[in-house]
């Protein structure tokens, strides 16, 4: 059974004088878990409704021990056809992918798939907000890069192996750290929408 979460120069969404340390390691949580916790925070505080999409499963064999009950005995995970997360924030549809790397100077393009790029392009065509959250684990830095900037780069540089950190710093928005929630990406989204957030986050 697949469950949804119970549930949140450079253009930073907040001026960051120097990279701040992430608290992922201290909490024993990986990047995806931190995003899920952030989305839970957003939901609990009425800020946004954003969930991780369930992983597609291909059912191969089903047994029926009783007429009223079916038991899946064989299945496998299918490749996701879209992105990791979707939801709504103040009337705006959000759709995004979350990726991380241990590289210090670039982000591997192999982390993205053609079907994900195509999906984000379709979201943009419907005036939705599509983007990626990119986490550099070694640097403890996280960026929000709009699909509108990622897609042209991906299509133009199909033979290139990675996106440079310099490109991400120039066109992306650095997500501030050491806050509650731990990855307050909605602050960046509000900047993209052209205004200050209608809520406040708490510094640790």
C-alpha atoms as a PDB file:
ATOM      1  CA  UNK A   1       0.000   0.000   0.000  1.00  0.00           C
ATOM      2  CA  UNK A   2       1.252   3.440  -0.878  1.00  0.00           C
ATOM      3  CA  UNK A   3       0.605   6.224   1.633  1.00  0.00           C
ATOM      4  CA  UNK A   4       0.688   9.967   1.130  1.00  0.00           C
ATOM      5  CA  UNK A   5       2.543  12.074   3.715  1.00  0.00           C
ATOM      6  CA  UNK A   6       0.438  13.132   6.661  1.00  0.00           C
ATOM      7  CA  UNK A   7       1.201  16.520   6.387  1.00  0.00           C
ATOM      8  CA  UNK A   8       6.561  22.668   3.667  1.00  0.00           C
ATOM      9  CA  UNK A   9      25.130  38.121  -9.608  1.00  0.00           C
ATOM     10  CA  UNK A  10      22.852  35.643  -7.472  1.00  0.00           C
ATOM     11  CA  UNK A  11      19.131  35.843  -6.717  1.00  0.00           C
ATOM     12  CA  UNK A  12      18.704  34.387  -3.230  1.00  0.00           C
ATOM     13  CA  UNK A  13      15.225  34.457  -1.732  1.00  0.00           C
ATOM     14  CA  UNK A  14      16.993  35.785   1.317  1.00  0.00           C
ATOM     15  CA  UNK A  15      20.361  37.508   1.470  1.00  0.00           C
ATOM     16  CA  UNK A  16      22.835  34.874   2.590  1.00  0.00           C
ATOM     17  CA  UNK A  17      26.224  36.354   3.439  1.00  0.00           C
ATOM     18  CA  UNK A  18      27.868  32.960   3.733  1.00  0.00           C
ATOM     19  CA  UNK A  19      26.677  29.369   3.337  1.00  0.00           C
ATOM     20  CA  UNK A  20      25.040  28.169   6.517  1.00  0.00           C
ATOM     21  CA  UNK A  21      25.253  24.643   7.748  1.00  0.00           C
ATOM     22  CA  UNK A  22      22.341  22.326   7.186  1.00  0.00           C
ATOM     23  CA  UNK A  23      20.996  20.381  10.131  1.00  0.00           C
ATOM     24  CA  UNK A  24      20.167  17.265   8.082  1.00  0.00           C
ATOM     25  CA  UNK A  25      22.979  15.224   9.622  1.00  0.00           C
ATOM     26  CA  UNK A  26      22.098  16.165  13.164  1.00  0.00           C
ATOM     27  CA  UNK A  27      18.503  15.087  12.696  1.00  0.00           C
ATOM     28  CA  UNK A  28      19.415  11.917  10.809  1.00  0.00           C
ATOM     29  CA  UNK A  29      17.089  12.913   7.983  1.00  0.00           C
ATOM     30  CA  UNK A  30      17.875  12.931   4.288  1.00  0.00           C
ATOM     31  CA  UNK A  31      16.852  15.606   1.804  1.00  0.00           C
ATOM     32  CA  UNK A  32      13.554  13.963   0.866  1.00  0.00           C
ATOM     33  CA  UNK A  33      12.610  13.454   4.503  1.00  0.00           C
ATOM     34  CA  UNK A  34      13.315  17.141   5.207  1.00  0.00           C
ATOM     35  CA  UNK A  35      11.073  18.180   2.316  1.00  0.00           C
ATOM     36  CA  UNK A  36       8.322  15.873   3.550  1.00  0.00           C
ATOM     37  CA  UNK A  37       8.646  17.363   7.046  1.00  0.00           C
ATOM     38  CA  UNK A  38       8.505  20.867   5.564  1.00  0.00           C
ATOM     39  CA  UNK A  39       5.346  20.004   3.625  1.00  0.00           C
ATOM     40  CA  UNK A  40       3.804  18.601   6.804  1.00  0.00           C
ATOM     41  CA  UNK A  41       4.595  21.887   8.554  1.00  0.00           C
ATOM     42  CA  UNK A  42       3.035  23.894   5.713  1.00  0.00           C
ATOM     43  CA  UNK A  43      -0.111  21.760   5.824  1.00  0.00           C
ATOM     44  CA  UNK A  44      -0.440  21.917   9.603  1.00  0.00           C
ATOM     45  CA  UNK A  45      -0.127  25.713   9.574  1.00  0.00           C
ATOM     46  CA  UNK A  46      -2.526  26.244   6.678  1.00  0.00           C
ATOM     47  CA  UNK A  47       0.169  27.619   4.369  1.00  0.00           C
ATOM     48  CA  UNK A  48      -0.047  25.159   1.466  1.00  0.00           C
ATOM     49  CA  UNK A  49      -1.230  21.677   0.528  1.00  0.00           C
ATOM     50  CA  UNK A  50       1.672  19.814  -1.054  1.00  0.00           C
ATOM     51  CA  UNK A  51       2.244  16.056  -1.111  1.00  0.00           C
ATOM     52  CA  UNK A  52       4.753  13.582  -2.453  1.00  0.00           C
ATOM     53  CA  UNK A  53       3.292  11.651  -5.356  1.00  0.00           C
ATOM     54  CA  UNK A  54       2.949   7.904  -4.843  1.00  0.00           C
ATOM     55  CA  UNK A  55       5.468   5.702  -6.630  1.00  0.00           C
ATOM     56  CA  UNK A  56       3.796   3.876  -9.565  1.00  0.00           C
ATOM     57  CA  UNK A  57       3.603   0.134  -8.999  1.00  0.00           C
ATOM     58  CA  UNK A  58       3.055  -2.532 -11.631  1.00  0.00           C
ATOM     59  CA  UNK A  59       1.056  -5.432 -10.188  1.00  0.00           C
ATOM     60  CA  UNK A  60       2.114  -8.788 -11.617  1.00  0.00           C
ATOM     61  CA  UNK A  61       0.264 -11.357  -9.532  1.00  0.00           C
ATOM     62  CA  UNK A  62      -2.728 -11.257  -7.224  1.00  0.00           C
ATOM     63  CA  UNK A  63      -4.031 -14.109  -5.048  1.00  0.00           C
ATOM     64  CA  UNK A  64      -7.543 -14.332  -3.680  1.00  0.00           C
ATOM     65  CA  UNK A  65      -7.384 -16.311  -0.398  1.00  0.00           C
ATOM     66  CA  UNK A  66     -10.968 -15.208   0.192  1.00  0.00           C
ATOM     67  CA  UNK A  67     -13.554 -13.890  -2.202  1.00  0.00           C
ATOM     68  CA  UNK A  68     -13.782 -10.654  -0.258  1.00  0.00           C
ATOM     69  CA  UNK A  69     -10.017 -10.090  -0.062  1.00  0.00           C
ATOM     70  CA  UNK A  70      -7.261  -9.758  -2.635  1.00  0.00           C
ATOM     71  CA  UNK A  71      -3.561 -10.150  -1.825  1.00  0.00           C
ATOM     72  CA  UNK A  72      -0.805  -8.765  -4.045  1.00  0.00           C
ATOM     73  CA  UNK A  73       1.941 -11.400  -4.133  1.00  0.00           C
ATOM     74  CA  UNK A  74       4.176  -9.978  -6.849  1.00  0.00           C
ATOM     75  CA  UNK A  75       4.736  -6.394  -7.988  1.00  0.00           C
ATOM     76  CA  UNK A  76       7.526  -4.058  -9.015  1.00  0.00           C
ATOM     77  CA  UNK A  77       8.163  -0.334  -9.015  1.00  0.00           C
ATOM     78  CA  UNK A  78       7.677   1.420 -12.328  1.00  0.00           C
ATOM     79  CA  UNK A  79       9.666   4.466 -13.361  1.00  0.00           C
ATOM     80  CA  UNK A  80       7.837   7.599 -12.264  1.00  0.00           C
ATOM     81  CA  UNK A  81       6.330   9.411 -15.232  1.00  0.00           C
ATOM     82  CA  UNK A  82       6.218  12.890 -13.714  1.00  0.00           C
ATOM     83  CA  UNK A  83       7.891  14.616 -10.756  1.00  0.00           C
ATOM     84  CA  UNK A  84       8.156  14.026  -7.011  1.00  0.00           C
ATOM     85  CA  UNK A  85       5.766  16.592  -5.554  1.00  0.00           C
ATOM     86  CA  UNK A  86       2.659  18.588  -6.414  1.00  0.00           C
ATOM     87  CA  UNK A  87       0.140  20.765  -4.637  1.00  0.00           C
ATOM     88  CA  UNK A  88      -1.376  24.201  -4.320  1.00  0.00           C
ATOM     89  CA  UNK A  89      -0.157  27.394  -2.689  1.00  0.00           C
ATOM     90  CA  UNK A  90      -2.392  30.474  -2.544  1.00  0.00           C
ATOM     91  CA  UNK A  91      -4.218  29.445  -5.715  1.00  0.00           C
ATOM     92  CA  UNK A  92      -1.058  28.500  -7.614  1.00  0.00           C
ATOM     93  CA  UNK A  93      -0.373  24.940  -8.729  1.00  0.00           C
ATOM     94  CA  UNK A  94       3.123  23.776  -7.738  1.00  0.00           C
ATOM     95  CA  UNK A  95       4.918  20.841  -9.312  1.00  0.00           C
ATOM     96  CA  UNK A  96       8.535  20.010  -8.549  1.00  0.00           C
ATOM     97  CA  UNK A  97      11.323  17.472  -8.420  1.00  0.00           C
ATOM     98  CA  UNK A  98      13.873  17.140  -5.604  1.00  0.00           C
ATOM     99  CA  UNK A  99      17.460  16.106  -6.333  1.00  0.00           C
ATOM    100  CA  UNK A 100      20.715  16.019  -4.401  1.00  0.00           C
ATOM    101  CA  UNK A 101      24.387  15.521  -5.185  1.00  0.00           C
ATOM    102  CA  UNK A 102      27.702  15.299  -3.384  1.00  0.00           C
ATOM    103  CA  UNK A 103      29.408  17.281  -6.154  1.00  0.00           C
ATOM    104  CA  UNK A 104      30.761  20.664  -5.106  1.00  0.00           C
ATOM    105  CA  UNK A 105      30.882  22.583  -8.393  1.00  0.00           C
ATOM    106  CA  UNK A 106      28.108  21.156 -10.582  1.00  0.00           C
ATOM    107  CA  UNK A 107      24.866  19.180 -10.656  1.00  0.00           C
ATOM    108  CA  UNK A 108      24.761  16.056 -12.901  1.00  0.00           C
ATOM    109  CA  UNK A 109      22.219  16.230 -15.719  1.00  0.00           C
ATOM    110  CA  UNK A 110      21.833  12.460 -15.528  1.00  0.00           C
ATOM    111  CA  UNK A 111      19.698  13.081 -12.435  1.00  0.00           C
ATOM    112  CA  UNK A 112      16.978  14.394 -14.740  1.00  0.00           C
ATOM    113  CA  UNK A 113      14.970  12.325 -17.219  1.00  0.00           C
ATOM    114  CA  UNK A 114      13.351  13.350 -20.483  1.00  0.00           C
ATOM    115  CA  UNK A 115       9.861  12.496 -19.237  1.00  0.00           C
ATOM    116  CA  UNK A 116      10.340  14.784 -16.219  1.00  0.00           C
ATOM    117  CA  UNK A 117      11.456  17.669 -18.414  1.00  0.00           C
ATOM    118  CA  UNK A 118       8.478  17.098 -20.715  1.00  0.00           C
ATOM    119  CA  UNK A 119       6.107  16.990 -17.754  1.00  0.00           C
ATOM    120  CA  UNK A 120       7.407  20.266 -16.318  1.00  0.00           C
ATOM    121  CA  UNK A 121       7.089  21.885 -19.747  1.00  0.00           C
ATOM    122  CA  UNK A 122       3.435  20.846 -19.839  1.00  0.00           C
ATOM    123  CA  UNK A 123       2.888  22.300 -16.361  1.00  0.00           C
ATOM    124  CA  UNK A 124       4.375  25.604 -17.532  1.00  0.00           C
ATOM    125  CA  UNK A 125       2.093  25.591 -20.585  1.00  0.00           C
ATOM    126  CA  UNK A 126      -0.870  25.584 -18.158  1.00  0.00           C
ATOM    127  CA  UNK A 127       0.603  28.496 -16.151  1.00  0.00           C
ATOM    128  CA  UNK A 128       1.591  26.234 -13.260  1.00  0.00           C
ATOM    129  CA  UNK A 129       4.773  26.761 -11.232  1.00  0.00           C
ATOM    130  CA  UNK A 130       7.286  24.014 -12.018  1.00  0.00           C
ATOM    131  CA  UNK A 131      10.754  23.893 -10.503  1.00  0.00           C
ATOM    132  CA  UNK A 132      13.443  21.695  -8.995  1.00  0.00           C
ATOM    133  CA  UNK A 133      14.979  21.756  -5.527  1.00  0.00           C
ATOM    134  CA  UNK A 134      18.697  21.020  -5.790  1.00  0.00           C
ATOM    135  CA  UNK A 135      20.662  20.132  -2.672  1.00  0.00           C
ATOM    136  CA  UNK A 136      24.466  20.108  -2.572  1.00  0.00           C
ATOM    137  CA  UNK A 137      25.074  17.810   0.396  1.00  0.00           C
ATOM    138  CA  UNK A 138      28.805  18.531   0.702  1.00  0.00           C
ATOM    139  CA  UNK A 139      28.236  22.288   0.632  1.00  0.00           C
ATOM    140  CA  UNK A 140      25.068  22.183   2.746  1.00  0.00           C
ATOM    141  CA  UNK A 141      23.355  24.464   0.246  1.00  0.00           C
ATOM    142  CA  UNK A 142      19.934  24.142  -1.356  1.00  0.00           C
ATOM    143  CA  UNK A 143      18.639  25.989  -4.412  1.00  0.00           C
ATOM    144  CA  UNK A 144      15.311  26.384  -6.147  1.00  0.00           C
ATOM    145  CA  UNK A 145      15.738  26.471  -9.928  1.00  0.00           C
ATOM    146  CA  UNK A 146      12.707  27.296 -12.038  1.00  0.00           C
ATOM    147  CA  UNK A 147      11.790  24.868 -14.801  1.00  0.00           C
ATOM    148  CA  UNK A 148      11.693  27.870 -17.126  1.00  0.00           C
ATOM    149  CA  UNK A 149      15.477  28.152 -16.650  1.00  0.00           C
ATOM    150  CA  UNK A 150      16.251  24.434 -16.405  1.00  0.00           C
ATOM    151  CA  UNK A 151      14.382  23.279 -19.522  1.00  0.00           C
ATOM    152  CA  UNK A 152      16.182  25.503 -22.096  1.00  0.00           C
ATOM    153  CA  UNK A 153      19.548  24.547 -20.571  1.00  0.00           C
ATOM    154  CA  UNK A 154      18.667  20.853 -20.651  1.00  0.00           C
ATOM    155  CA  UNK A 155      17.488  20.994 -24.253  1.00  0.00           C
ATOM    156  CA  UNK A 156      20.419  23.089 -25.470  1.00  0.00           C
ATOM    157  CA  UNK A 157      23.091  21.163 -23.588  1.00  0.00           C
ATOM    158  CA  UNK A 158      21.870  17.616 -24.082  1.00  0.00           C
ATOM    159  CA  UNK A 159      25.427  16.380 -24.495  1.00  0.00           C
ATOM    160  CA  UNK A 160      26.710  18.207 -21.433  1.00  0.00           C
ATOM    161  CA  UNK A 161      27.143  16.168 -18.276  1.00  0.00           C
ATOM    162  CA  UNK A 162      26.207  18.726 -15.670  1.00  0.00           C
ATOM    163  CA  UNK A 163      24.895  22.168 -14.734  1.00  0.00           C
ATOM    164  CA  UNK A 164      27.541  24.322 -13.137  1.00  0.00           C
ATOM    165  CA  UNK A 165      27.038  25.701  -9.646  1.00  0.00           C
ATOM    166  CA  UNK A 166      27.722  29.140 -11.137  1.00  0.00           C
ATOM    167  CA  UNK A 167      24.686  28.735 -13.433  1.00  0.00           C
ATOM    168  CA  UNK A 168      22.508  27.652 -10.512  1.00  0.00           C
ATOM    169  CA  UNK A 169      23.723  30.567  -8.377  1.00  0.00           C
ATOM    170  CA  UNK A 170      22.981  32.999 -11.215  1.00  0.00           C
ATOM    171  CA  UNK A 171      19.516  31.781 -12.175  1.00  0.00           C
ATOM    172  CA  UNK A 172      18.363  30.004  -9.033  1.00  0.00           C
ATOM    173  CA  UNK A 173      17.185  31.064  -5.595  1.00  0.00           C
ATOM    174  CA  UNK A 174      19.086  29.867  -2.556  1.00  0.00           C
ATOM    175  CA  UNK A 175      16.798  28.439   0.095  1.00  0.00           C
ATOM    176  CA  UNK A 176      17.710  29.751   3.557  1.00  0.00           C
ATOM    177  CA  UNK A 177      18.647  27.168   6.177  1.00  0.00           C
ATOM    178  CA  UNK A 178      18.503  26.926   9.957  1.00  0.00           C
ATOM    179  CA  UNK A 179      14.821  27.771   9.988  1.00  0.00           C
ATOM    180  CA  UNK A 180      11.600  26.071  10.911  1.00  0.00           C
ATOM    181  CA  UNK A 181      10.583  24.484   8.614  1.00  0.00           C
ATOM    182  CA  UNK A 182      14.066  23.347   7.593  1.00  0.00           C
ATOM    183  CA  UNK A 183      13.604  23.878   3.834  1.00  0.00           C
ATOM    184  CA  UNK A 184      11.345  26.954   3.550  1.00  0.00           C
ATOM    185  CA  UNK A 185      11.130  26.888  -0.241  1.00  0.00           C
ATOM    186  CA  UNK A 186       7.816  28.755  -0.255  1.00  0.00           C
ATOM    187  CA  UNK A 187       9.774  31.900   0.605  1.00  0.00           C
ATOM    188  CA  UNK A 188      11.458  31.543  -2.783  1.00  0.00           C
ATOM    189  CA  UNK A 189       8.147  30.849  -4.503  1.00  0.00           C
ATOM    190  CA  UNK A 190       6.713  34.043  -3.030  1.00  0.00           C
ATOM    191  CA  UNK A 191       9.702  35.955  -4.366  1.00  0.00           C
ATOM    192  CA  UNK A 192       9.021  34.476  -7.806  1.00  0.00           C
ATOM    193  CA  UNK A 193       5.394  35.556  -7.521  1.00  0.00           C
ATOM    194  CA  UNK A 194       6.601  39.071  -6.826  1.00  0.00           C
ATOM    195  CA  UNK A 195       5.987  39.715  -3.171  1.00  0.00           C
ATOM    196  CA  UNK A 196       6.945  38.991   0.383  1.00  0.00           C
ATOM    197  CA  UNK A 197       5.634  35.817   2.031  1.00  0.00           C
ATOM    198  CA  UNK A 198       2.246  36.103   3.710  1.00  0.00           C
ATOM    199  CA  UNK A 199       3.654  34.161   6.643  1.00  0.00           C
ATOM    200  CA  UNK A 200       6.829  34.008   8.673  1.00  0.00           C
ATOM    201  CA  UNK A 201       9.191  31.174   9.434  1.00  0.00           C
ATOM    202  CA  UNK A 202      11.078  30.745  12.661  1.00  0.00           C
ATOM    203  CA  UNK A 203      14.844  30.830  12.957  1.00  0.00           C
ATOM    204  CA  UNK A 204      16.395  28.031  14.956  1.00  0.00           C
END
